[in-house]
Amino acid sequence: MPAERRSTKAPRPVKTCPVCGRDFQWRKKWERDWPQVVYCSDACRRGTPR
């Protein structure tokens, strides 16, 4: 049997959306703008109720 591989990746940062209260993780596409990211989605950013 092959040896088990362990993940060496660090945990990704998490933020909480102020509109819906959901937690969302860092994404590669947000790498440059992560400090400015506040909402989990465009719908929450617009304030559209779900």
N, C-alpha and C. Protein backbone atom coordinates (compact mmCIF):
# COMPACT_ATOMS: atom_id res chain seq x y z
N MET A 1 0.84 -1.18 0.00
CA MET A 1 0.00 0.00 0.00
C MET A 1 0.88 1.25 0.00
N PRO A 2 0.47 2.26 -0.74
CA PRO A 2 1.26 3.49 -0.74
C PRO A 2 1.13 4.23 0.59
N ALA A 3 2.15 4.97 0.91
CA ALA A 3 2.14 5.75 2.15
C ALA A 3 1.10 6.86 2.05
N GLU A 4 0.52 7.22 3.18
CA GLU A 4 -0.47 8.29 3.20
C GLU A 4 0.22 9.63 3.00
N ARG A 5 -0.44 10.49 2.25
CA ARG A 5 0.09 11.84 2.03
C ARG A 5 -0.65 12.81 2.94
N ARG A 6 0.10 13.68 3.53
CA ARG A 6 -0.51 14.67 4.39
C ARG A 6 -0.51 16.02 3.69
N SER A 7 -1.56 16.74 3.86
CA SER A 7 -1.67 18.07 3.28
C SER A 7 -0.80 19.04 4.08
N THR A 8 0.03 19.79 3.39
CA THR A 8 0.89 20.76 4.07
C THR A 8 0.39 22.19 3.85
N LYS A 9 -0.80 22.32 3.29
CA LYS A 9 -1.35 23.64 3.04
C LYS A 9 -1.80 24.28 4.35
N ALA A 10 -1.56 25.57 4.45
CA ALA A 10 -2.01 26.31 5.62
C ALA A 10 -3.51 26.58 5.49
N PRO A 11 -4.22 26.70 6.61
CA PRO A 11 -5.65 27.00 6.52
C PRO A 11 -5.87 28.37 5.89
N ARG A 12 -6.91 28.47 5.11
CA ARG A 12 -7.22 29.74 4.43
C ARG A 12 -7.93 30.68 5.39
N PRO A 13 -7.70 31.99 5.24
CA PRO A 13 -8.40 32.96 6.09
C PRO A 13 -9.91 32.92 5.83
N VAL A 14 -10.67 33.21 6.86
CA VAL A 14 -12.13 33.19 6.77
C VAL A 14 -12.67 34.54 7.23
N LYS A 15 -13.72 35.02 6.54
CA LYS A 15 -14.43 36.22 6.95
C LYS A 15 -15.91 35.88 7.06
N THR A 16 -16.67 36.71 7.78
CA THR A 16 -18.10 36.53 7.91
C THR A 16 -18.81 37.65 7.18
N CYS A 17 -19.77 37.29 6.34
CA CYS A 17 -20.55 38.27 5.58
C CYS A 17 -21.48 39.01 6.53
N PRO A 18 -21.48 40.35 6.51
CA PRO A 18 -22.34 41.11 7.43
C PRO A 18 -23.82 41.05 7.06
N VAL A 19 -24.16 40.66 5.83
CA VAL A 19 -25.56 40.62 5.40
C VAL A 19 -26.22 39.30 5.77
N CYS A 20 -25.61 38.19 5.36
CA CYS A 20 -26.24 36.88 5.57
C CYS A 20 -25.63 36.10 6.74
N GLY A 21 -24.48 36.54 7.24
CA GLY A 21 -23.87 35.88 8.38
C GLY A 21 -23.09 34.62 8.05
N ARG A 22 -22.96 34.30 6.77
CA ARG A 22 -22.22 33.11 6.37
C ARG A 22 -20.72 33.37 6.39
N ASP A 23 -19.96 32.33 6.69
CA ASP A 23 -18.51 32.41 6.60
C ASP A 23 -18.09 32.11 5.17
N PHE A 24 -17.08 32.83 4.67
CA PHE A 24 -16.54 32.53 3.36
C PHE A 24 -15.03 32.59 3.42
N GLN A 25 -14.39 31.74 2.60
CA GLN A 25 -12.94 31.59 2.62
C GLN A 25 -12.28 32.42 1.54
N TRP A 26 -10.98 32.66 1.76
CA TRP A 26 -10.12 33.33 0.80
C TRP A 26 -10.13 32.57 -0.52
N ARG A 27 -10.16 33.30 -1.62
CA ARG A 27 -10.07 32.71 -2.96
C ARG A 27 -8.91 33.34 -3.69
N LYS A 28 -8.33 32.59 -4.59
CA LYS A 28 -7.19 33.07 -5.37
C LYS A 28 -7.54 34.36 -6.11
N LYS A 29 -8.76 34.46 -6.65
CA LYS A 29 -9.13 35.65 -7.41
C LYS A 29 -9.26 36.89 -6.52
N TRP A 30 -9.38 36.69 -5.19
CA TRP A 30 -9.45 37.81 -4.26
C TRP A 30 -8.09 38.13 -3.65
N GLU A 31 -7.04 37.46 -4.09
CA GLU A 31 -5.72 37.58 -3.47
C GLU A 31 -5.28 39.04 -3.32
N ARG A 32 -5.42 39.81 -4.39
CA ARG A 32 -4.97 41.21 -4.38
C ARG A 32 -5.88 42.10 -3.54
N ASP A 33 -7.19 41.77 -3.50
CA ASP A 33 -8.18 42.64 -2.86
C ASP A 33 -8.75 42.09 -1.55
N TRP A 34 -8.15 41.05 -0.99
CA TRP A 34 -8.72 40.41 0.20
C TRP A 34 -9.02 41.40 1.34
N PRO A 35 -8.17 42.39 1.62
CA PRO A 35 -8.50 43.33 2.71
C PRO A 35 -9.79 44.13 2.44
N GLN A 36 -10.13 44.34 1.16
CA GLN A 36 -11.32 45.11 0.81
C GLN A 36 -12.57 44.24 0.64
N VAL A 37 -12.42 42.92 0.57
CA VAL A 37 -13.57 42.03 0.38
C VAL A 37 -14.38 42.00 1.68
N VAL A 38 -15.67 42.33 1.57
CA VAL A 38 -16.54 42.38 2.74
C VAL A 38 -17.69 41.38 2.62
N TYR A 39 -18.24 41.23 1.42
CA TYR A 39 -19.43 40.41 1.21
C TYR A 39 -19.09 39.09 0.53
N CYS A 40 -19.92 38.07 0.78
CA CYS A 40 -19.66 36.74 0.22
C CYS A 40 -20.09 36.62 -1.23
N SER A 41 -20.99 37.50 -1.69
CA SER A 41 -21.49 37.40 -3.07
C SER A 41 -21.96 38.77 -3.55
N ASP A 42 -22.22 38.86 -4.85
CA ASP A 42 -22.76 40.10 -5.42
C ASP A 42 -24.16 40.37 -4.87
N ALA A 43 -24.94 39.32 -4.64
CA ALA A 43 -26.29 39.50 -4.11
C ALA A 43 -26.25 40.16 -2.73
N CYS A 44 -25.34 39.73 -1.88
CA CYS A 44 -25.20 40.34 -0.56
C CYS A 44 -24.67 41.77 -0.67
N ARG A 45 -23.78 41.99 -1.61
CA ARG A 45 -23.23 43.33 -1.80
C ARG A 45 -24.34 44.31 -2.20
N ARG A 46 -25.27 43.85 -3.04
CA ARG A 46 -26.39 44.69 -3.47
C ARG A 46 -27.47 44.79 -2.41
N GLY A 47 -27.46 43.89 -1.45
CA GLY A 47 -28.48 43.88 -0.41
C GLY A 47 -29.75 43.18 -0.83
N THR A 48 -29.68 42.35 -1.87
CA THR A 48 -30.84 41.62 -2.35
C THR A 48 -31.22 40.54 -1.34
N PRO A 49 -32.47 40.54 -0.86
CA PRO A 49 -32.87 39.50 0.10
C PRO A 49 -32.93 38.13 -0.55
N ARG A 50 -32.61 37.10 0.23
CA ARG A 50 -32.65 35.73 -0.30
C ARG A 50 -33.91 35.04 0.13
